[in-house]
Amino acid sequence: MGCGAQKNSTGLNEKLRARALEIFRRIDINNSGSIDKDETQKFWKTNFAKVNTQALFNAVDFDKSGQISEDEWMAFWEIVKKSGYTDKEISEELDNLMEGKAWVQFRKVDEFVKRDQLRKSSQVQQIVKQNSKRKSLVQQQQSLHQQ
């Protein structure tokens, strides 16, 4: 997957957010709100399931807990966007994931995370927290609409 020439500092659009969330929920077989390695291996169902799972966890499990929370998952895709990948490139990768194709290494994201680990104030953790707040706001809005 290439990287677009134009850097986009804005986050994911709603369509991409919804698609990423749909994939997360598809992998989260037990609906726990997080995915573990067993669930991801079942998702891929191929001889390369373990390799894909390890690559996914290396990239997305920011706190190295062995679980990928919804917030970490969504933060990862926000970082992909902020790293300069285009909406089209992200959409293609999300489509490939939905079809069970192999996990792709996002080199610019890996570089971002490595640099972030050297900082005193983690941007990755800030992005994870922002996604958590966004999810809470959406849930509150949905509750208000249901009343």
N, C-alpha and C. Protein backbone atom coordinates (compact mmCIF):
# COMPACT_ATOMS: atom_id res chain seq x y z
N MET A 1 0.85 -1.17 0.00
CA MET A 1 0.00 0.00 0.00
C MET A 1 0.89 1.23 0.00
N GLY A 2 0.67 2.09 -0.92
CA GLY A 2 1.47 3.31 -1.01
C GLY A 2 0.98 4.37 -0.07
N CYS A 3 1.69 5.43 -0.01
CA CYS A 3 1.31 6.56 0.81
C CYS A 3 1.07 7.74 -0.09
N GLY A 4 -0.07 8.37 0.05
CA GLY A 4 -0.39 9.53 -0.77
C GLY A 4 0.61 10.65 -0.56
N ALA A 5 0.78 11.45 -1.58
CA ALA A 5 1.75 12.54 -1.50
C ALA A 5 1.29 13.64 -0.57
N GLN A 6 -0.01 13.73 -0.37
CA GLN A 6 -0.55 14.82 0.43
C GLN A 6 -0.81 14.35 1.85
N LYS A 7 -0.29 15.07 2.83
CA LYS A 7 -0.55 14.73 4.23
C LYS A 7 -1.92 15.23 4.62
N ASN A 8 -2.70 14.39 5.27
CA ASN A 8 -4.02 14.76 5.73
C ASN A 8 -4.02 14.77 7.24
N SER A 9 -4.18 15.92 7.83
CA SER A 9 -4.15 16.00 9.28
C SER A 9 -5.52 15.73 9.89
N THR A 10 -6.56 15.75 9.05
CA THR A 10 -7.89 15.48 9.57
C THR A 10 -8.04 13.98 9.79
N GLY A 11 -8.99 13.64 10.63
CA GLY A 11 -9.20 12.24 10.96
C GLY A 11 -10.01 11.50 9.91
N LEU A 12 -10.38 10.30 10.26
CA LEU A 12 -11.18 9.46 9.38
C LEU A 12 -12.55 10.08 9.17
N ASN A 13 -13.07 9.92 7.96
CA ASN A 13 -14.45 10.35 7.74
C ASN A 13 -15.39 9.31 8.33
N GLU A 14 -16.66 9.65 8.46
CA GLU A 14 -17.62 8.77 9.13
C GLU A 14 -17.77 7.43 8.43
N LYS A 15 -17.70 7.42 7.11
CA LYS A 15 -17.83 6.17 6.35
C LYS A 15 -16.68 5.21 6.70
N LEU A 16 -15.45 5.74 6.74
CA LEU A 16 -14.30 4.90 7.09
C LEU A 16 -14.36 4.46 8.54
N ARG A 17 -14.79 5.35 9.43
CA ARG A 17 -14.94 4.98 10.85
C ARG A 17 -15.93 3.82 10.99
N ALA A 18 -17.06 3.93 10.30
CA ALA A 18 -18.09 2.89 10.37
C ALA A 18 -17.56 1.57 9.82
N ARG A 19 -16.80 1.62 8.74
CA ARG A 19 -16.24 0.41 8.14
C ARG A 19 -15.22 -0.25 9.07
N ALA A 20 -14.34 0.57 9.66
CA ALA A 20 -13.35 0.04 10.60
C ALA A 20 -14.04 -0.59 11.80
N LEU A 21 -15.07 0.06 12.30
CA LEU A 21 -15.80 -0.46 13.45
C LEU A 21 -16.53 -1.76 13.09
N GLU A 22 -17.06 -1.84 11.89
CA GLU A 22 -17.72 -3.05 11.42
C GLU A 22 -16.75 -4.23 11.42
N ILE A 23 -15.53 -4.00 10.97
CA ILE A 23 -14.52 -5.06 10.94
C ILE A 23 -14.14 -5.46 12.36
N PHE A 24 -13.96 -4.48 13.24
CA PHE A 24 -13.63 -4.78 14.63
C PHE A 24 -14.70 -5.69 15.23
N ARG A 25 -15.95 -5.34 15.02
CA ARG A 25 -17.06 -6.13 15.59
C ARG A 25 -17.15 -7.51 14.97
N ARG A 26 -16.75 -7.63 13.73
CA ARG A 26 -16.74 -8.94 13.08
C ARG A 26 -15.67 -9.84 13.70
N ILE A 27 -14.53 -9.25 14.02
CA ILE A 27 -13.45 -10.02 14.65
C ILE A 27 -13.80 -10.34 16.10
N ASP A 28 -14.45 -9.42 16.80
CA ASP A 28 -14.82 -9.56 18.21
C ASP A 28 -16.00 -10.54 18.34
N ILE A 29 -15.71 -11.81 18.15
CA ILE A 29 -16.72 -12.86 18.10
C ILE A 29 -17.59 -12.89 19.35
N ASN A 30 -16.98 -12.71 20.52
CA ASN A 30 -17.74 -12.81 21.78
C ASN A 30 -18.32 -11.47 22.24
N ASN A 31 -18.23 -10.44 21.41
CA ASN A 31 -18.80 -9.12 21.71
C ASN A 31 -18.33 -8.55 23.04
N SER A 32 -17.06 -8.76 23.36
CA SER A 32 -16.52 -8.30 24.64
C SER A 32 -16.06 -6.84 24.59
N GLY A 33 -15.96 -6.28 23.40
CA GLY A 33 -15.45 -4.92 23.27
C GLY A 33 -13.95 -4.88 23.07
N SER A 34 -13.33 -6.05 23.02
CA SER A 34 -11.90 -6.14 22.70
C SER A 34 -11.68 -7.44 21.93
N ILE A 35 -10.58 -7.49 21.21
CA ILE A 35 -10.27 -8.71 20.47
C ILE A 35 -8.97 -9.30 20.98
N ASP A 36 -8.94 -10.62 21.00
CA ASP A 36 -7.73 -11.31 21.44
C ASP A 36 -7.16 -12.12 20.27
N LYS A 37 -6.04 -12.74 20.50
CA LYS A 37 -5.35 -13.45 19.42
C LYS A 37 -6.16 -14.64 18.92
N ASP A 38 -6.88 -15.31 19.79
CA ASP A 38 -7.70 -16.44 19.38
C ASP A 38 -8.78 -15.98 18.39
N GLU A 39 -9.41 -14.86 18.70
CA GLU A 39 -10.46 -14.34 17.81
C GLU A 39 -9.90 -13.95 16.45
N THR A 40 -8.72 -13.33 16.44
CA THR A 40 -8.15 -12.91 15.15
C THR A 40 -7.71 -14.12 14.32
N GLN A 41 -7.21 -15.15 14.98
CA GLN A 41 -6.83 -16.35 14.24
C GLN A 41 -8.06 -17.01 13.62
N LYS A 42 -9.17 -17.00 14.34
CA LYS A 42 -10.42 -17.54 13.78
C LYS A 42 -10.91 -16.68 12.63
N PHE A 43 -10.71 -15.38 12.73
CA PHE A 43 -11.14 -14.46 11.67
C PHE A 43 -10.41 -14.77 10.36
N TRP A 44 -9.09 -15.01 10.42
CA TRP A 44 -8.34 -15.23 9.19
C TRP A 44 -8.49 -16.64 8.64
N LYS A 45 -8.63 -17.66 9.48
CA LYS A 45 -8.90 -19.03 9.06
C LYS A 45 -7.92 -19.58 8.01
N THR A 46 -6.73 -19.06 7.92
CA THR A 46 -5.78 -19.53 6.91
C THR A 46 -4.52 -20.05 7.58
N ASN A 47 -3.64 -20.59 6.77
CA ASN A 47 -2.36 -21.05 7.30
C ASN A 47 -1.54 -19.89 7.86
N PHE A 48 -1.84 -18.68 7.40
CA PHE A 48 -1.09 -17.51 7.85
C PHE A 48 -1.80 -16.76 8.97
N ALA A 49 -2.79 -17.38 9.58
CA ALA A 49 -3.56 -16.71 10.64
C ALA A 49 -2.66 -16.26 11.79
N LYS A 50 -1.72 -17.09 12.20
CA LYS A 50 -0.84 -16.72 13.31
C LYS A 50 0.08 -15.56 12.92
N VAL A 51 0.58 -15.58 11.71
CA VAL A 51 1.46 -14.51 11.23
C VAL A 51 0.68 -13.19 11.15
N ASN A 52 -0.52 -13.25 10.56
CA ASN A 52 -1.36 -12.05 10.46
C ASN A 52 -1.73 -11.53 11.84
N THR A 53 -2.07 -12.44 12.75
CA THR A 53 -2.44 -12.05 14.10
C THR A 53 -1.28 -11.35 14.80
N GLN A 54 -0.09 -11.92 14.71
CA GLN A 54 1.07 -11.31 15.37
C GLN A 54 1.36 -9.93 14.80
N ALA A 55 1.28 -9.80 13.48
CA ALA A 55 1.52 -8.50 12.84
C ALA A 55 0.47 -7.48 13.28
N LEU A 56 -0.77 -7.91 13.35
CA LEU A 56 -1.86 -7.02 13.81
C LEU A 56 -1.62 -6.55 15.23
N PHE A 57 -1.29 -7.47 16.12
CA PHE A 57 -1.08 -7.10 17.53
C PHE A 57 0.16 -6.24 17.70
N ASN A 58 1.20 -6.50 16.93
CA ASN A 58 2.40 -5.65 17.00
C ASN A 58 2.06 -4.21 16.63
N ALA A 59 1.16 -4.04 15.67
CA ALA A 59 0.82 -2.70 15.18
C ALA A 59 -0.24 -1.99 16.02
N VAL A 60 -1.22 -2.73 16.54
CA VAL A 60 -2.42 -2.09 17.09
C VAL A 60 -2.54 -2.19 18.61
N ASP A 61 -1.95 -3.19 19.23
CA ASP A 61 -2.05 -3.36 20.69
C ASP A 61 -1.06 -2.40 21.36
N PHE A 62 -1.44 -1.13 21.41
CA PHE A 62 -0.52 -0.09 21.88
C PHE A 62 -0.06 -0.30 23.31
N ASP A 63 -0.94 -0.80 24.18
CA ASP A 63 -0.55 -0.98 25.58
C ASP A 63 0.04 -2.37 25.86
N LYS A 64 0.17 -3.18 24.81
CA LYS A 64 0.78 -4.53 24.90
C LYS A 64 0.09 -5.41 25.94
N SER A 65 -1.25 -5.29 26.03
CA SER A 65 -2.03 -6.05 27.00
C SER A 65 -2.42 -7.44 26.49
N GLY A 66 -2.23 -7.70 25.20
CA GLY A 66 -2.69 -8.96 24.64
C GLY A 66 -4.13 -8.88 24.18
N GLN A 67 -4.74 -7.73 24.33
CA GLN A 67 -6.11 -7.45 23.89
C GLN A 67 -6.07 -6.15 23.09
N ILE A 68 -6.85 -6.07 22.04
CA ILE A 68 -6.99 -4.81 21.31
C ILE A 68 -8.38 -4.28 21.60
N SER A 69 -8.42 -3.15 22.29
CA SER A 69 -9.72 -2.54 22.61
C SER A 69 -10.26 -1.83 21.37
N GLU A 70 -11.55 -1.56 21.41
CA GLU A 70 -12.16 -0.79 20.32
C GLU A 70 -11.48 0.57 20.18
N ASP A 71 -11.12 1.17 21.31
CA ASP A 71 -10.45 2.48 21.27
C ASP A 71 -9.08 2.38 20.60
N GLU A 72 -8.32 1.33 20.91
CA GLU A 72 -7.02 1.15 20.26
C GLU A 72 -7.19 0.93 18.76
N TRP A 73 -8.18 0.11 18.40
CA TRP A 73 -8.45 -0.19 16.99
C TRP A 73 -8.77 1.08 16.21
N MET A 74 -9.68 1.88 16.76
CA MET A 74 -10.08 3.11 16.07
C MET A 74 -8.94 4.13 16.06
N ALA A 75 -8.18 4.19 17.15
CA ALA A 75 -7.02 5.09 17.20
C ALA A 75 -6.00 4.70 16.13
N PHE A 76 -5.80 3.40 15.93
CA PHE A 76 -4.87 2.94 14.90
C PHE A 76 -5.27 3.50 13.54
N TRP A 77 -6.54 3.38 13.19
CA TRP A 77 -6.98 3.86 11.88
C TRP A 77 -6.90 5.37 11.78
N GLU A 78 -7.11 6.07 12.90
CA GLU A 78 -6.91 7.53 12.90
C GLU A 78 -5.44 7.87 12.62
N ILE A 79 -4.53 7.10 13.21
CA ILE A 79 -3.10 7.31 13.00
C ILE A 79 -2.72 7.01 11.55
N VAL A 80 -3.33 5.96 10.98
CA VAL A 80 -3.09 5.66 9.57
C VAL A 80 -3.43 6.89 8.72
N LYS A 81 -4.58 7.47 8.99
CA LYS A 81 -5.02 8.66 8.24
C LYS A 81 -4.07 9.83 8.47
N LYS A 82 -3.71 10.07 9.72
CA LYS A 82 -2.83 11.19 10.06
C LYS A 82 -1.42 10.99 9.52
N SER A 83 -1.05 9.75 9.21
CA SER A 83 0.27 9.45 8.67
C SER A 83 0.37 9.73 7.17
N GLY A 84 -0.74 10.12 6.57
CA GLY A 84 -0.70 10.51 5.17
C GLY A 84 -1.37 9.57 4.19
N TYR A 85 -1.93 8.48 4.66
CA TYR A 85 -2.64 7.58 3.76
C TYR A 85 -3.96 8.22 3.34
N THR A 86 -4.35 8.01 2.09
CA THR A 86 -5.56 8.62 1.56
C THR A 86 -6.80 7.81 1.97
N ASP A 87 -7.96 8.46 1.86
CA ASP A 87 -9.22 7.76 2.13
C ASP A 87 -9.35 6.53 1.23
N LYS A 88 -8.96 6.67 -0.03
CA LYS A 88 -9.06 5.55 -0.97
C LYS A 88 -8.17 4.40 -0.53
N GLU A 89 -6.94 4.69 -0.13
CA GLU A 89 -6.01 3.64 0.32
C GLU A 89 -6.55 2.94 1.57
N ILE A 90 -7.06 3.72 2.50
CA ILE A 90 -7.60 3.15 3.73
C ILE A 90 -8.83 2.30 3.41
N SER A 91 -9.69 2.80 2.55
CA SER A 91 -10.89 2.06 2.16
C SER A 91 -10.52 0.72 1.52
N GLU A 92 -9.52 0.72 0.66
CA GLU A 92 -9.07 -0.52 0.02
C GLU A 92 -8.56 -1.51 1.06
N GLU A 93 -7.80 -1.03 2.03
CA GLU A 93 -7.28 -1.94 3.07
C GLU A 93 -8.41 -2.48 3.95
N LEU A 94 -9.37 -1.63 4.27
CA LEU A 94 -10.51 -2.09 5.06
C LEU A 94 -11.31 -3.13 4.28
N ASP A 95 -11.49 -2.91 2.97
CA ASP A 95 -12.17 -3.90 2.13
C ASP A 95 -11.41 -5.22 2.13
N ASN A 96 -10.08 -5.14 2.00
CA ASN A 96 -9.26 -6.35 2.01
C ASN A 96 -9.39 -7.09 3.34
N LEU A 97 -9.39 -6.35 4.44
CA LEU A 97 -9.56 -6.98 5.75
C LEU A 97 -10.92 -7.66 5.85
N MET A 98 -11.96 -6.99 5.37
CA MET A 98 -13.30 -7.55 5.44
C MET A 98 -13.37 -8.87 4.67
N GLU A 99 -12.57 -8.97 3.62
CA GLU A 99 -12.52 -10.20 2.83
C GLU A 99 -11.59 -11.25 3.43
N GLY A 100 -10.96 -10.92 4.57
CA GLY A 100 -10.09 -11.88 5.23
C GLY A 100 -8.69 -11.95 4.66
N LYS A 101 -8.32 -10.94 3.86
CA LYS A 101 -6.97 -10.92 3.29
C LYS A 101 -5.95 -10.53 4.35
N ALA A 102 -4.68 -10.69 4.02
CA ALA A 102 -3.59 -10.51 4.98
C ALA A 102 -3.51 -9.10 5.54
N TRP A 103 -3.02 -9.02 6.77
CA TRP A 103 -2.75 -7.73 7.42
C TRP A 103 -1.59 -7.08 6.71
N VAL A 104 -1.69 -5.78 6.47
CA VAL A 104 -0.65 -5.02 5.79
C VAL A 104 0.11 -4.19 6.80
N GLN A 105 1.42 -4.15 6.65
CA GLN A 105 2.23 -3.30 7.53
C GLN A 105 2.17 -1.88 7.00
N PHE A 106 1.83 -0.95 7.88
CA PHE A 106 1.77 0.46 7.53
C PHE A 106 3.06 1.10 8.04
N ARG A 107 4.05 1.18 7.19
CA ARG A 107 5.38 1.63 7.61
C ARG A 107 5.38 3.02 8.24
N LYS A 108 4.62 3.94 7.67
CA LYS A 108 4.59 5.29 8.24
C LYS A 108 3.95 5.29 9.62
N VAL A 109 3.00 4.40 9.85
CA VAL A 109 2.38 4.29 11.17
C VAL A 109 3.39 3.70 12.15
N ASP A 110 4.11 2.67 11.72
CA ASP A 110 5.14 2.07 12.58
C ASP A 110 6.17 3.12 13.00
N GLU A 111 6.58 3.96 12.04
CA GLU A 111 7.54 5.02 12.35
C GLU A 111 6.96 6.03 13.34
N PHE A 112 5.69 6.38 13.15
CA PHE A 112 5.00 7.32 14.05
C PHE A 112 4.98 6.77 15.47
N VAL A 113 4.61 5.50 15.60
CA VAL A 113 4.51 4.88 16.93
C VAL A 113 5.89 4.78 17.58
N LYS A 114 6.91 4.42 16.81
CA LYS A 114 8.27 4.33 17.38
C LYS A 114 8.75 5.68 17.88
N ARG A 115 8.52 6.73 17.09
CA ARG A 115 8.89 8.09 17.54
C ARG A 115 8.09 8.48 18.77
N ASP A 116 6.83 8.10 18.79
CA ASP A 116 5.95 8.45 19.90
C ASP A 116 6.42 7.82 21.21
N GLN A 117 6.96 6.62 21.13
CA GLN A 117 7.43 5.93 22.33
C GLN A 117 8.60 6.66 22.99
N LEU A 118 9.30 7.47 22.23
CA LEU A 118 10.43 8.23 22.76
C LEU A 118 10.01 9.55 23.41
N ARG A 119 8.77 9.94 23.21
CA ARG A 119 8.28 11.20 23.75
C ARG A 119 7.83 11.03 25.20
N LYS A 120 7.87 12.13 25.94
CA LYS A 120 7.36 12.10 27.32
C LYS A 120 5.84 12.04 27.32
N SER A 121 5.22 12.75 26.40
CA SER A 121 3.76 12.80 26.30
C SER A 121 3.34 12.06 25.03
N SER A 122 2.71 10.92 25.20
CA SER A 122 2.37 10.05 24.08
C SER A 122 1.19 10.57 23.27
N GLN A 123 1.42 10.80 21.98
CA GLN A 123 0.33 11.18 21.09
C GLN A 123 -0.59 9.99 20.85
N VAL A 124 -0.03 8.78 20.80
CA VAL A 124 -0.84 7.59 20.59
C VAL A 124 -1.88 7.48 21.71
N GLN A 125 -1.45 7.63 22.95
CA GLN A 125 -2.39 7.53 24.07
C GLN A 125 -3.43 8.64 24.01
N GLN A 126 -3.04 9.83 23.56
CA GLN A 126 -4.00 10.92 23.40
C GLN A 126 -5.04 10.58 22.35
N ILE A 127 -4.63 9.96 21.26
CA ILE A 127 -5.56 9.56 20.20
C ILE A 127 -6.49 8.47 20.70
N VAL A 128 -5.96 7.51 21.47
CA VAL A 128 -6.80 6.46 22.05
C VAL A 128 -7.86 7.09 22.96
N LYS A 129 -7.44 8.04 23.80
CA LYS A 129 -8.38 8.71 24.71
C LYS A 129 -9.42 9.51 23.94
N GLN A 130 -9.01 10.18 22.86
CA GLN A 130 -9.95 10.95 22.04
C GLN A 130 -11.01 10.03 21.45
N ASN A 131 -10.61 8.85 21.02
CA ASN A 131 -11.57 7.91 20.46
C ASN A 131 -12.51 7.39 21.52
N SER A 132 -12.01 7.21 22.73
CA SER A 132 -12.86 6.78 23.84
C SER A 132 -13.91 7.85 24.15
N LYS A 133 -13.48 9.11 24.18
CA LYS A 133 -14.42 10.21 24.43
C LYS A 133 -15.45 10.31 23.31
N ARG A 134 -15.00 10.16 22.08
CA ARG A 134 -15.92 10.23 20.94
C ARG A 134 -16.97 9.13 21.03
N LYS A 135 -16.53 7.92 21.41
CA LYS A 135 -17.45 6.80 21.54
C LYS A 135 -18.48 7.09 22.63
N SER A 136 -18.04 7.67 23.75
CA SER A 136 -18.96 8.02 24.84
C SER A 136 -19.99 9.05 24.39
N LEU A 137 -19.55 10.05 23.64
CA LEU A 137 -20.47 11.07 23.15
C LEU A 137 -21.51 10.48 22.20
N VAL A 138 -21.08 9.59 21.33
CA VAL A 138 -22.00 8.94 20.40
C VAL A 138 -23.02 8.11 21.17
N GLN A 139 -22.56 7.39 22.20
CA GLN A 139 -23.47 6.58 23.01
C GLN A 139 -24.47 7.46 23.75
N GLN A 140 -24.02 8.61 24.25
CA GLN A 140 -24.93 9.53 24.93
C GLN A 140 -25.97 10.07 23.96
N GLN A 141 -25.54 10.43 22.76
CA GLN A 141 -26.47 10.94 21.76
C GLN A 141 -27.49 9.88 21.37
N GLN A 142 -27.05 8.64 21.25
CA GLN A 142 -27.96 7.56 20.91
C GLN A 142 -28.98 7.34 22.02
N SER A 143 -28.54 7.46 23.27
CA SER A 143 -29.44 7.32 24.42
C SER A 143 -30.50 8.41 24.41
N LEU A 144 -30.10 9.63 24.10
CA LEU A 144 -31.05 10.74 24.05
C LEU A 144 -32.09 10.55 22.95
N HIS A 145 -31.66 10.01 21.82
CA HIS A 145 -32.58 9.79 20.70
C HIS A 145 -33.55 8.65 20.98
N GLN A 146 -33.17 7.73 21.85
CA GLN A 146 -34.03 6.60 22.17
C GLN A 146 -35.10 6.96 23.19
N GLN A 147 -34.90 8.06 23.90
CA GLN A 147 -35.85 8.46 24.94
C GLN A 147 -37.06 9.12 24.37
